[in-house]
Amino acid sequence: MAKNEKRVQVTLACEVCKRRNYITTKNKLNDRERIEMKKFCRWDRQHTLHKETR
């Protein structure tokens, strides 16, 4: 069975330290824009905004 091409892997980068901390998936049909999430950054030791990178 083939993998679903509607879901793509995206990398999330911290807006404070600019490190790429997380890899997640998103549905590119429903979420056309870049996603933003508040996630824990272990270098800053606090919850910061993480944005999708290319």
N, C-alpha and C. Protein backbone atom coordinates (compact mmCIF):
# COMPACT_ATOMS: atom_id res chain seq x y z
N MET A 1 0.84 -1.17 0.00
CA MET A 1 0.00 0.00 0.00
C MET A 1 0.89 1.25 0.00
N ALA A 2 0.59 2.19 -0.86
CA ALA A 2 1.39 3.40 -0.98
C ALA A 2 1.08 4.37 0.16
N LYS A 3 2.05 5.18 0.49
CA LYS A 3 1.85 6.19 1.52
C LYS A 3 0.99 7.31 0.97
N ASN A 4 0.25 7.95 1.83
CA ASN A 4 -0.67 9.01 1.43
C ASN A 4 0.12 10.28 1.09
N GLU A 5 -0.01 10.78 -0.15
CA GLU A 5 0.71 11.97 -0.57
C GLU A 5 0.06 13.26 -0.09
N LYS A 6 -1.12 13.19 0.51
CA LYS A 6 -1.78 14.39 1.00
C LYS A 6 -1.12 14.90 2.27
N ARG A 7 -0.51 14.01 3.04
CA ARG A 7 0.18 14.40 4.28
C ARG A 7 1.67 14.51 4.00
N VAL A 8 2.26 15.62 4.37
CA VAL A 8 3.69 15.85 4.14
C VAL A 8 4.39 16.11 5.46
N GLN A 9 5.67 15.78 5.53
CA GLN A 9 6.46 16.06 6.71
C GLN A 9 6.95 17.50 6.66
N VAL A 10 6.85 18.19 7.80
CA VAL A 10 7.33 19.56 7.90
C VAL A 10 8.24 19.66 9.13
N THR A 11 9.19 20.58 9.06
CA THR A 11 10.11 20.83 10.16
C THR A 11 9.72 22.12 10.84
N LEU A 12 9.72 22.11 12.17
CA LEU A 12 9.37 23.30 12.94
C LEU A 12 10.64 23.88 13.57
N ALA A 13 10.84 25.19 13.39
CA ALA A 13 12.01 25.87 13.92
C ALA A 13 11.57 26.88 14.98
N CYS A 14 12.36 26.98 16.03
CA CYS A 14 12.09 27.93 17.12
C CYS A 14 12.34 29.34 16.63
N GLU A 15 11.46 30.25 17.00
CA GLU A 15 11.60 31.65 16.59
C GLU A 15 12.63 32.40 17.44
N VAL A 16 12.96 31.89 18.63
CA VAL A 16 13.90 32.57 19.50
C VAL A 16 15.34 32.16 19.18
N CYS A 17 15.61 30.86 19.18
CA CYS A 17 16.99 30.40 18.97
C CYS A 17 17.24 29.94 17.53
N LYS A 18 16.19 29.86 16.71
CA LYS A 18 16.27 29.50 15.28
C LYS A 18 16.72 28.06 15.04
N ARG A 19 16.63 27.21 16.04
CA ARG A 19 16.99 25.80 15.85
C ARG A 19 15.79 25.00 15.40
N ARG A 20 16.05 23.99 14.59
CA ARG A 20 14.98 23.12 14.09
C ARG A 20 14.80 21.98 15.06
N ASN A 21 13.75 22.06 15.87
CA ASN A 21 13.57 21.14 16.99
C ASN A 21 12.62 20.00 16.71
N TYR A 22 11.61 20.20 15.88
CA TYR A 22 10.55 19.22 15.74
C TYR A 22 10.29 18.89 14.27
N ILE A 23 9.86 17.65 14.02
CA ILE A 23 9.37 17.22 12.72
C ILE A 23 7.98 16.68 12.94
N THR A 24 7.03 17.15 12.14
CA THR A 24 5.64 16.72 12.25
C THR A 24 5.06 16.58 10.86
N THR A 25 3.81 16.16 10.77
CA THR A 25 3.14 16.04 9.48
C THR A 25 1.95 16.97 9.45
N LYS A 26 1.59 17.39 8.24
CA LYS A 26 0.40 18.20 8.07
C LYS A 26 -0.28 17.79 6.78
N ASN A 27 -1.58 18.05 6.72
CA ASN A 27 -2.35 17.79 5.52
C ASN A 27 -2.24 19.02 4.63
N LYS A 28 -1.58 18.86 3.49
CA LYS A 28 -1.34 20.04 2.64
C LYS A 28 -2.58 20.50 1.89
N LEU A 29 -3.63 19.70 1.86
CA LEU A 29 -4.88 20.15 1.25
C LEU A 29 -5.67 21.05 2.19
N ASN A 30 -5.66 20.75 3.48
CA ASN A 30 -6.40 21.54 4.46
C ASN A 30 -5.60 22.72 4.99
N ASP A 31 -4.28 22.57 5.13
CA ASP A 31 -3.41 23.60 5.69
C ASP A 31 -2.45 24.08 4.62
N ARG A 32 -2.87 25.05 3.84
CA ARG A 32 -2.05 25.56 2.74
C ARG A 32 -0.92 26.46 3.25
N GLU A 33 -1.19 27.22 4.33
CA GLU A 33 -0.19 28.14 4.86
C GLU A 33 0.79 27.38 5.75
N ARG A 34 1.85 28.09 6.13
CA ARG A 34 2.81 27.50 7.06
C ARG A 34 2.18 27.45 8.45
N ILE A 35 2.42 26.37 9.16
CA ILE A 35 1.81 26.21 10.48
C ILE A 35 2.69 26.83 11.55
N GLU A 36 2.07 27.23 12.66
CA GLU A 36 2.75 27.80 13.82
C GLU A 36 2.20 27.11 15.06
N MET A 37 3.10 26.72 15.96
CA MET A 37 2.70 26.07 17.21
C MET A 37 3.57 26.57 18.34
N LYS A 38 3.00 26.60 19.53
CA LYS A 38 3.81 26.86 20.72
C LYS A 38 4.31 25.51 21.22
N LYS A 39 5.63 25.32 21.18
CA LYS A 39 6.24 24.07 21.60
C LYS A 39 7.36 24.38 22.59
N PHE A 40 7.81 23.36 23.31
CA PHE A 40 8.88 23.52 24.28
C PHE A 40 10.23 23.48 23.57
N CYS A 41 11.05 24.50 23.79
CA CYS A 41 12.41 24.54 23.26
C CYS A 41 13.35 24.16 24.39
N ARG A 42 14.10 23.10 24.20
CA ARG A 42 14.95 22.64 25.30
C ARG A 42 16.20 23.49 25.47
N TRP A 43 16.57 24.29 24.47
CA TRP A 43 17.71 25.19 24.62
C TRP A 43 17.33 26.47 25.34
N ASP A 44 16.12 26.95 25.11
CA ASP A 44 15.62 28.13 25.81
C ASP A 44 14.96 27.77 27.13
N ARG A 45 14.60 26.51 27.29
CA ARG A 45 13.92 25.99 28.48
C ARG A 45 12.61 26.70 28.76
N GLN A 46 11.85 26.96 27.70
CA GLN A 46 10.53 27.55 27.84
C GLN A 46 9.72 27.26 26.59
N HIS A 47 8.43 27.48 26.67
CA HIS A 47 7.56 27.31 25.51
C HIS A 47 7.69 28.54 24.62
N THR A 48 8.03 28.31 23.36
CA THR A 48 8.20 29.40 22.40
C THR A 48 7.43 29.06 21.13
N LEU A 49 7.27 30.05 20.28
CA LEU A 49 6.60 29.87 19.01
C LEU A 49 7.52 29.15 18.03
N HIS A 50 7.03 28.10 17.41
CA HIS A 50 7.76 27.35 16.40
C HIS A 50 7.01 27.48 15.09
N LYS A 51 7.74 27.82 14.01
CA LYS A 51 7.12 27.98 12.70
C LYS A 51 7.68 26.96 11.72
N GLU A 52 6.88 26.65 10.74
CA GLU A 52 7.27 25.70 9.71
C GLU A 52 8.37 26.28 8.82
N THR A 53 9.39 25.47 8.52
CA THR A 53 10.46 25.89 7.63
C THR A 53 10.36 25.11 6.33
N ARG A 54 11.07 25.56 5.33
CA ARG A 54 11.05 24.88 4.03
C ARG A 54 12.10 23.81 3.97
